Amino acid sequence: MKTVLEYDETVDALYLEFASRTVASHVQLDDARGVDYAADGSVVGVEILSASRGIDLAGLPNGPDIERVLRARGFPIGRAAQAS
């Protein structure tokens, strides 16, 4: 499946969907990032809050895919971009 990005500008949140599957669990990595998993442990999607401030890819599953999609859409990448 192609990675699908949904962005809600009103709340500055984005969701990257990797698989159209039922979410069995959610792991919150920090205040701005969470990962949804299917029952078999595969990644369903990644949620990122305050996306326009910059996105820390460290520790996110599917990092290269996430970076490719976000750069193509013009989102800032990296911790330095988050400092404001």
PDB file of N, CA and C in Angstrom:
ATOM      1  N   MET A   1       0.843  -1.189   0.000  1.00  0.00           N
ATOM      2  CA  MET A   1       0.000   0.000   0.000  1.00  0.00           C
ATOM      3  C   MET A   1       0.880   1.240   0.000  1.00  0.00           C
ATOM      4  N   LYS A   2       0.460   2.215  -0.714  1.00  0.00           N
ATOM      5  CA  LYS A   2       1.143   3.497  -0.752  1.00  0.00           C
ATOM      6  C   LYS A   2       0.892   4.240   0.561  1.00  0.00           C
ATOM      7  N   THR A   3       1.896   4.958   1.040  1.00  0.00           N
ATOM      8  CA  THR A   3       1.742   5.757   2.249  1.00  0.00           C
ATOM      9  C   THR A   3       0.794   6.912   1.968  1.00  0.00           C
ATOM     10  N   VAL A   4      -0.225   7.060   2.819  1.00  0.00           N
ATOM     11  CA  VAL A   4      -1.219   8.116   2.659  1.00  0.00           C
ATOM     12  C   VAL A   4      -1.014   9.133   3.779  1.00  0.00           C
ATOM     13  N   LEU A   5      -0.916  10.414   3.424  1.00  0.00           N
ATOM     14  CA  LEU A   5      -0.751  11.480   4.402  1.00  0.00           C
ATOM     15  C   LEU A   5      -2.035  12.294   4.479  1.00  0.00           C
ATOM     16  N   GLU A   6      -2.528  12.442   5.696  1.00  0.00           N
ATOM     17  CA  GLU A   6      -3.672  13.320   5.950  1.00  0.00           C
ATOM     18  C   GLU A   6      -3.187  14.415   6.884  1.00  0.00           C
ATOM     19  N   TYR A   7      -3.434  15.675   6.525  1.00  0.00           N
ATOM     20  CA  TYR A   7      -2.990  16.797   7.348  1.00  0.00           C
ATOM     21  C   TYR A   7      -4.168  17.702   7.651  1.00  0.00           C
ATOM     22  N   ASP A   8      -4.347  18.023   8.935  1.00  0.00           N
ATOM     23  CA  ASP A   8      -5.391  18.936   9.377  1.00  0.00           C
ATOM     24  C   ASP A   8      -4.713  20.227   9.821  1.00  0.00           C
ATOM     25  N   GLU A   9      -4.756  21.220   8.971  1.00  0.00           N
ATOM     26  CA  GLU A   9      -4.077  22.486   9.232  1.00  0.00           C
ATOM     27  C   GLU A   9      -4.657  23.213  10.443  1.00  0.00           C
ATOM     28  N   THR A  10      -5.943  23.037  10.717  1.00  0.00           N
ATOM     29  CA  THR A  10      -6.564  23.762  11.825  1.00  0.00           C
ATOM     30  C   THR A  10      -5.991  23.349  13.178  1.00  0.00           C
ATOM     31  N   VAL A  11      -5.552  22.104  13.305  1.00  0.00           N
ATOM     32  CA  VAL A  11      -4.956  21.638  14.562  1.00  0.00           C
ATOM     33  C   VAL A  11      -3.476  21.280  14.395  1.00  0.00           C
ATOM     34  N   ASP A  12      -2.928  21.488  13.176  1.00  0.00           N
ATOM     35  CA  ASP A  12      -1.516  21.225  12.871  1.00  0.00           C
ATOM     36  C   ASP A  12      -1.127  19.787  13.228  1.00  0.00           C
ATOM     37  N   ALA A  13      -1.947  18.854  12.771  1.00  0.00           N
ATOM     38  CA  ALA A  13      -1.697  17.436  13.037  1.00  0.00           C
ATOM     39  C   ALA A  13      -1.726  16.664  11.725  1.00  0.00           C
ATOM     40  N   LEU A  14      -0.845  15.672  11.643  1.00  0.00           N
ATOM     41  CA  LEU A  14      -0.864  14.835  10.448  1.00  0.00           C
ATOM     42  C   LEU A  14      -0.868  13.371  10.847  1.00  0.00           C
ATOM     43  N   TYR A  15      -1.355  12.568   9.923  1.00  0.00           N
ATOM     44  CA  TYR A  15      -1.389  11.125  10.111  1.00  0.00           C
ATOM     45  C   TYR A  15      -0.889  10.483   8.835  1.00  0.00           C
ATOM     46  N   LEU A  16       0.081   9.609   8.977  1.00  0.00           N
ATOM     47  CA  LEU A  16       0.611   8.842   7.852  1.00  0.00           C
ATOM     48  C   LEU A  16       0.104   7.418   8.001  1.00  0.00           C
ATOM     49  N   GLU A  17      -0.658   6.966   7.019  1.00  0.00           N
ATOM     50  CA  GLU A  17      -1.200   5.613   7.059  1.00  0.00           C
ATOM     51  C   GLU A  17      -0.371   4.721   6.139  1.00  0.00           C
ATOM     52  N   PHE A  18       0.114   3.608   6.702  1.00  0.00           N
ATOM     53  CA  PHE A  18       0.924   2.652   5.953  1.00  0.00           C
ATOM     54  C   PHE A  18       0.140   1.421   5.532  1.00  0.00           C
ATOM     55  N   ALA A  19      -0.925   1.126   6.259  1.00  0.00           N
ATOM     56  CA  ALA A  19      -1.735  -0.058   5.968  1.00  0.00           C
ATOM     57  C   ALA A  19      -3.175   0.226   6.369  1.00  0.00           C
ATOM     58  N   SER A  20      -4.094  -0.196   5.528  1.00  0.00           N
ATOM     59  CA  SER A  20      -5.509  -0.031   5.825  1.00  0.00           C
ATOM     60  C   SER A  20      -5.967  -1.233   6.660  1.00  0.00           C
ATOM     61  N   ARG A  21      -5.643  -1.155   7.956  1.00  0.00           N
ATOM     62  CA  ARG A  21      -5.939  -2.262   8.873  1.00  0.00           C
ATOM     63  C   ARG A  21      -6.516  -1.701  10.159  1.00  0.00           C
ATOM     64  N   THR A  22      -7.105  -2.575  10.944  1.00  0.00           N
ATOM     65  CA  THR A  22      -7.649  -2.183  12.237  1.00  0.00           C
ATOM     66  C   THR A  22      -6.512  -1.928  13.224  1.00  0.00           C
ATOM     67  N   VAL A  23      -6.610  -0.824  13.946  1.00  0.00           N
ATOM     68  CA  VAL A  23      -5.618  -0.487  14.967  1.00  0.00           C
ATOM     69  C   VAL A  23      -5.915  -1.288  16.224  1.00  0.00           C
ATOM     70  N   ALA A  24      -4.905  -2.042  16.694  1.00  0.00           N
ATOM     71  CA  ALA A  24      -5.055  -2.856  17.901  1.00  0.00           C
ATOM     72  C   ALA A  24      -4.428  -2.180  19.111  1.00  0.00           C
ATOM     73  N   SER A  25      -3.396  -1.342  18.863  1.00  0.00           N
ATOM     74  CA  SER A  25      -2.753  -0.648  19.977  1.00  0.00           C
ATOM     75  C   SER A  25      -2.117   0.643  19.488  1.00  0.00           C
ATOM     76  N   HIS A  26      -1.947   1.561  20.425  1.00  0.00           N
ATOM     77  CA  HIS A  26      -1.326   2.857  20.146  1.00  0.00           C
ATOM     78  C   HIS A  26      -0.207   3.071  21.149  1.00  0.00           C
ATOM     79  N   VAL A  27       0.968   3.441  20.664  1.00  0.00           N
ATOM     80  CA  VAL A  27       2.106   3.735  21.532  1.00  0.00           C
ATOM     81  C   VAL A  27       2.454   5.208  21.359  1.00  0.00           C
ATOM     82  N   GLN A  28       2.372   5.958  22.458  1.00  0.00           N
ATOM     83  CA  GLN A  28       2.710   7.379  22.437  1.00  0.00           C
ATOM     84  C   GLN A  28       4.206   7.504  22.686  1.00  0.00           C
ATOM     85  N   LEU A  29       4.958   7.993  21.697  1.00  0.00           N
ATOM     86  CA  LEU A  29       6.411   8.114  21.821  1.00  0.00           C
ATOM     87  C   LEU A  29       6.811   9.326  22.651  1.00  0.00           C
ATOM     88  N   ASP A  30       6.067  10.407  22.507  1.00  0.00           N
ATOM     89  CA  ASP A  30       6.286  11.637  23.267  1.00  0.00           C
ATOM     90  C   ASP A  30       5.041  12.492  23.097  1.00  0.00           C
ATOM     91  N   ASP A  31       5.098  13.760  23.497  1.00  0.00           N
ATOM     92  CA  ASP A  31       3.914  14.624  23.427  1.00  0.00           C
ATOM     93  C   ASP A  31       3.416  14.867  22.001  1.00  0.00           C
ATOM     94  N   ALA A  32       4.290  14.695  21.008  1.00  0.00           N
ATOM     95  CA  ALA A  32       3.924  15.048  19.637  1.00  0.00           C
ATOM     96  C   ALA A  32       3.830  13.865  18.680  1.00  0.00           C
ATOM     97  N   ARG A  33       4.208  12.662  19.110  1.00  0.00           N
ATOM     98  CA  ARG A  33       4.286  11.545  18.172  1.00  0.00           C
ATOM     99  C   ARG A  33       3.719  10.261  18.765  1.00  0.00           C
ATOM    100  N   GLY A  34       2.929   9.571  17.947  1.00  0.00           N
ATOM    101  CA  GLY A  34       2.370   8.286  18.356  1.00  0.00           C
ATOM    102  C   GLY A  34       2.335   7.326  17.181  1.00  0.00           C
ATOM    103  N   VAL A  35       2.342   6.037  17.493  1.00  0.00           N
ATOM    104  CA  VAL A  35       2.348   5.008  16.463  1.00  0.00           C
ATOM    105  C   VAL A  35       1.196   4.040  16.720  1.00  0.00           C
ATOM    106  N   ASP A  36       0.436   3.736  15.658  1.00  0.00           N
ATOM    107  CA  ASP A  36      -0.644   2.758  15.726  1.00  0.00           C
ATOM    108  C   ASP A  36      -0.156   1.439  15.143  1.00  0.00           C
ATOM    109  N   TYR A  37      -0.498   0.349  15.843  1.00  0.00           N
ATOM    110  CA  TYR A  37      -0.084  -0.992  15.429  1.00  0.00           C
ATOM    111  C   TYR A  37      -1.298  -1.885  15.224  1.00  0.00           C
ATOM    112  N   ALA A  38      -1.178  -2.819  14.282  1.00  0.00           N
ATOM    113  CA  ALA A  38      -2.185  -3.865  14.075  1.00  0.00           C
ATOM    114  C   ALA A  38      -1.936  -4.976  15.097  1.00  0.00           C
ATOM    115  N   ALA A  39      -2.844  -5.923  15.193  1.00  0.00           N
ATOM    116  CA  ALA A  39      -2.723  -7.019  16.150  1.00  0.00           C
ATOM    117  C   ALA A  39      -1.461  -7.851  15.928  1.00  0.00           C
ATOM    118  N   ASP A  40      -0.986  -7.943  14.674  1.00  0.00           N
ATOM    119  CA  ASP A  40       0.219  -8.725  14.398  1.00  0.00           C
ATOM    120  C   ASP A  40       1.515  -7.948  14.616  1.00  0.00           C
ATOM    121  N   GLY A  41       1.398  -6.710  15.098  1.00  0.00           N
ATOM    122  CA  GLY A  41       2.581  -5.892  15.390  1.00  0.00           C
ATOM    123  C   GLY A  41       3.046  -5.018  14.245  1.00  0.00           C
ATOM    124  N   SER A  42       2.406  -5.134  13.091  1.00  0.00           N
ATOM    125  CA  SER A  42       2.808  -4.285  11.966  1.00  0.00           C
ATOM    126  C   SER A  42       2.290  -2.856  12.177  1.00  0.00           C
ATOM    127  N   VAL A  43       3.002  -1.904  11.603  1.00  0.00           N
ATOM    128  CA  VAL A  43       2.656  -0.489  11.754  1.00  0.00           C
ATOM    129  C   VAL A  43       1.483  -0.154  10.839  1.00  0.00           C
ATOM    130  N   VAL A  44       0.447   0.423  11.441  1.00  0.00           N
ATOM    131  CA  VAL A  44      -0.708   0.893  10.678  1.00  0.00           C
ATOM    132  C   VAL A  44      -0.488   2.343  10.279  1.00  0.00           C
ATOM    133  N   GLY A  45      -0.043   3.168  11.247  1.00  0.00           N
ATOM    134  CA  GLY A  45       0.140   4.580  10.948  1.00  0.00           C
ATOM    135  C   GLY A  45       0.887   5.310  12.043  1.00  0.00           C
ATOM    136  N   VAL A  46       1.253   6.546  11.721  1.00  0.00           N
ATOM    137  CA  VAL A  46       1.987   7.403  12.642  1.00  0.00           C
ATOM    138  C   VAL A  46       1.266   8.748  12.718  1.00  0.00           C
ATOM    139  N   GLU A  47       1.039   9.223  13.940  1.00  0.00           N
ATOM    140  CA  GLU A  47       0.408  10.521  14.179  1.00  0.00           C
ATOM    141  C   GLU A  47       1.473  11.501  14.648  1.00  0.00           C
ATOM    142  N   ILE A  48       1.451  12.714  14.082  1.00  0.00           N
ATOM    143  CA  ILE A  48       2.411  13.746  14.473  1.00  0.00           C
ATOM    144  C   ILE A  48       1.653  15.040  14.715  1.00  0.00           C
ATOM    145  N   LEU A  49       1.821  15.589  15.914  1.00  0.00           N
ATOM    146  CA  LEU A  49       1.200  16.860  16.278  1.00  0.00           C
ATOM    147  C   LEU A  49       2.214  17.986  16.102  1.00  0.00           C
ATOM    148  N   SER A  50       1.727  19.202  15.918  1.00  0.00           N
ATOM    149  CA  SER A  50       2.580  20.384  15.697  1.00  0.00           C
ATOM    150  C   SER A  50       3.532  20.150  14.527  1.00  0.00           C
ATOM    151  N   ALA A  51       3.020  19.573  13.479  1.00  0.00           N
ATOM    152  CA  ALA A  51       3.833  19.163  12.337  1.00  0.00           C
ATOM    153  C   ALA A  51       4.545  20.324  11.656  1.00  0.00           C
ATOM    154  N   SER A  52       3.948  21.495  11.636  1.00  0.00           N
ATOM    155  CA  SER A  52       4.561  22.627  10.941  1.00  0.00           C
ATOM    156  C   SER A  52       5.799  23.157  11.666  1.00  0.00           C
ATOM    157  N   ARG A  53       5.986  22.775  12.914  1.00  0.00           N
ATOM    158  CA  ARG A  53       7.148  23.211  13.691  1.00  0.00           C
ATOM    159  C   ARG A  53       8.393  22.379  13.414  1.00  0.00           C
ATOM    160  N   GLY A  54       8.204  21.226  12.819  1.00  0.00           N
ATOM    161  CA  GLY A  54       9.321  20.333  12.546  1.00  0.00           C
ATOM    162  C   GLY A  54       9.030  18.957  13.091  1.00  0.00           C
ATOM    163  N   ILE A  55       9.545  17.959  12.414  1.00  0.00           N
ATOM    164  CA  ILE A  55       9.220  16.584  12.762  1.00  0.00           C
ATOM    165  C   ILE A  55      10.497  15.820  13.079  1.00  0.00           C
ATOM    166  N   ASP A  56      10.545  15.307  14.294  1.00  0.00           N
ATOM    167  CA  ASP A  56      11.672  14.498  14.749  1.00  0.00           C
ATOM    168  C   ASP A  56      11.426  13.062  14.294  1.00  0.00           C
ATOM    169  N   LEU A  57      12.256  12.569  13.393  1.00  0.00           N
ATOM    170  CA  LEU A  57      12.092  11.217  12.865  1.00  0.00           C
ATOM    171  C   LEU A  57      12.717  10.146  13.750  1.00  0.00           C
ATOM    172  N   ALA A  58      13.510  10.538  14.728  1.00  0.00           N
ATOM    173  CA  ALA A  58      14.199   9.576  15.592  1.00  0.00           C
ATOM    174  C   ALA A  58      13.202   8.653  16.282  1.00  0.00           C
ATOM    175  N   GLY A  59      13.409   7.364  16.127  1.00  0.00           N
ATOM    176  CA  GLY A  59      12.580   6.374  16.795  1.00  0.00           C
ATOM    177  C   GLY A  59      11.277   6.047  16.095  1.00  0.00           C
ATOM    178  N   LEU A  60      10.985   6.719  14.980  1.00  0.00           N
ATOM    179  CA  LEU A  60       9.758   6.404  14.256  1.00  0.00           C
ATOM    180  C   LEU A  60       9.974   5.209  13.331  1.00  0.00           C
ATOM    181  N   PRO A  61       9.020   4.291  13.295  1.00  0.00           N
ATOM    182  CA  PRO A  61       9.132   3.181  12.342  1.00  0.00           C
ATOM    183  C   PRO A  61       8.925   3.716  10.926  1.00  0.00           C
ATOM    184  N   ASN A  62       9.489   3.030   9.958  1.00  0.00           N
ATOM    185  CA  ASN A  62       9.344   3.418   8.548  1.00  0.00           C
ATOM    186  C   ASN A  62       9.916   4.807   8.283  1.00  0.00           C
ATOM    187  N   GLY A  63      10.979   5.156   9.006  1.00  0.00           N
ATOM    188  CA  GLY A  63      11.590   6.483   8.907  1.00  0.00           C
ATOM    189  C   GLY A  63      11.867   6.968   7.494  1.00  0.00           C
ATOM    190  N   PRO A  64      12.516   6.157   6.642  1.00  0.00           N
ATOM    191  CA  PRO A  64      12.787   6.626   5.274  1.00  0.00           C
ATOM    192  C   PRO A  64      11.517   6.937   4.475  1.00  0.00           C
ATOM    193  N   ASP A  65      10.481   6.126   4.651  1.00  0.00           N
ATOM    194  CA  ASP A  65       9.213   6.385   3.959  1.00  0.00           C
ATOM    195  C   ASP A  65       8.578   7.671   4.477  1.00  0.00           C
ATOM    196  N   ILE A  66       8.596   7.853   5.794  1.00  0.00           N
ATOM    197  CA  ILE A  66       8.036   9.063   6.395  1.00  0.00           C
ATOM    198  C   ILE A  66       8.780  10.291   5.888  1.00  0.00           C
ATOM    199  N   GLU A  67      10.102  10.238   5.923  1.00  0.00           N
ATOM    200  CA  GLU A  67      10.894  11.389   5.479  1.00  0.00           C
ATOM    201  C   GLU A  67      10.601  11.728   4.017  1.00  0.00           C
ATOM    202  N   ARG A  68      10.541  10.730   3.169  1.00  0.00           N
ATOM    203  CA  ARG A  68      10.275  10.957   1.737  1.00  0.00           C
ATOM    204  C   ARG A  68       8.937  11.662   1.534  1.00  0.00           C
ATOM    205  N   VAL A  69       7.908  11.177   2.197  1.00  0.00           N
ATOM    206  CA  VAL A  69       6.568  11.747   2.038  1.00  0.00           C
ATOM    207  C   VAL A  69       6.513  13.168   2.592  1.00  0.00           C
ATOM    208  N   LEU A  70       7.113  13.374   3.770  1.00  0.00           N
ATOM    209  CA  LEU A  70       7.052  14.694   4.398  1.00  0.00           C
ATOM    210  C   LEU A  70       7.844  15.735   3.614  1.00  0.00           C
ATOM    211  N   ARG A  71       9.012  15.369   3.139  1.00  0.00           N
ATOM    212  CA  ARG A  71       9.810  16.318   2.343  1.00  0.00           C
ATOM    213  C   ARG A  71       9.081  16.684   1.051  1.00  0.00           C
ATOM    214  N   ALA A  72       8.427  15.710   0.436  1.00  0.00           N
ATOM    215  CA  ALA A  72       7.683  15.977  -0.798  1.00  0.00           C
ATOM    216  C   ALA A  72       6.540  16.968  -0.557  1.00  0.00           C
ATOM    217  N   ARG A  73       6.003  16.969   0.661  1.00  0.00           N
ATOM    218  CA  ARG A  73       4.909  17.886   1.008  1.00  0.00           C
ATOM    219  C   ARG A  73       5.404  19.171   1.657  1.00  0.00           C
ATOM    220  N   GLY A  74       6.733  19.299   1.874  1.00  0.00           N
ATOM    221  CA  GLY A  74       7.301  20.539   2.385  1.00  0.00           C
ATOM    222  C   GLY A  74       7.309  20.696   3.896  1.00  0.00           C
ATOM    223  N   PHE A  75       7.117  19.605   4.639  1.00  0.00           N
ATOM    224  CA  PHE A  75       7.157  19.691   6.100  1.00  0.00           C
ATOM    225  C   PHE A  75       8.611  19.732   6.570  1.00  0.00           C
ATOM    226  N   PRO A  76       8.918  20.574   7.576  1.00  0.00           N
ATOM    227  CA  PRO A  76      10.286  20.619   8.098  1.00  0.00           C
ATOM    228  C   PRO A  76      10.624  19.360   8.884  1.00  0.00           C
ATOM    229  N   ILE A  77      11.855  18.885   8.724  1.00  0.00           N
ATOM    230  CA  ILE A  77      12.313  17.664   9.375  1.00  0.00           C
ATOM    231  C   ILE A  77      13.405  18.002  10.380  1.00  0.00           C
ATOM    232  N   GLY A  78      13.365  17.360  11.546  1.00  0.00           N
ATOM    233  CA  GLY A  78      14.440  17.452  12.525  1.00  0.00           C
ATOM    234  C   GLY A  78      14.082  18.215  13.776  1.00  0.00           C
ATOM    235  N   ARG A  79      14.838  17.901  14.834  1.00  0.00           N
ATOM    236  CA  ARG A  79      14.612  18.550  16.130  1.00  0.00           C
ATOM    237  C   ARG A  79      14.828  20.050  16.088  1.00  0.00           C
ATOM    238  N   ALA A  80      15.842  20.494  15.347  1.00  0.00           N
ATOM    239  CA  ALA A  80      16.155  21.925  15.299  1.00  0.00           C
ATOM    240  C   ALA A  80      14.953  22.732  14.834  1.00  0.00           C
ATOM    241  N   ALA A  81      14.185  22.156  13.936  1.00  0.00           N
ATOM    242  CA  ALA A  81      13.012  22.848  13.425  1.00  0.00           C
ATOM    243  C   ALA A  81      11.928  22.986  14.491  1.00  0.00           C
ATOM    244  N   GLN A  82      11.957  22.105  15.528  1.00  0.00           N
ATOM    245  CA  GLN A  82      10.934  22.145  16.563  1.00  0.00           C
ATOM    246  C   GLN A  82      11.176  23.244  17.574  1.00  0.00           C
ATOM    247  N   ALA A  83      12.401  23.675  17.738  1.00  0.00           N
ATOM    248  CA  ALA A  83      12.694  24.701  18.727  1.00  0.00           C
ATOM    249  C   ALA A  83      12.145  26.033  18.253  1.00  0.00           C
ATOM    250  N   SER A  84      11.296  26.644  19.060  1.00  0.00           N
ATOM    251  CA  SER A  84      10.757  27.958  18.706  1.00  0.00           C
ATOM    252  C   SER A  84      10.238  28.651  19.939  1.00  0.00           C
TER     253      SER A  84
END
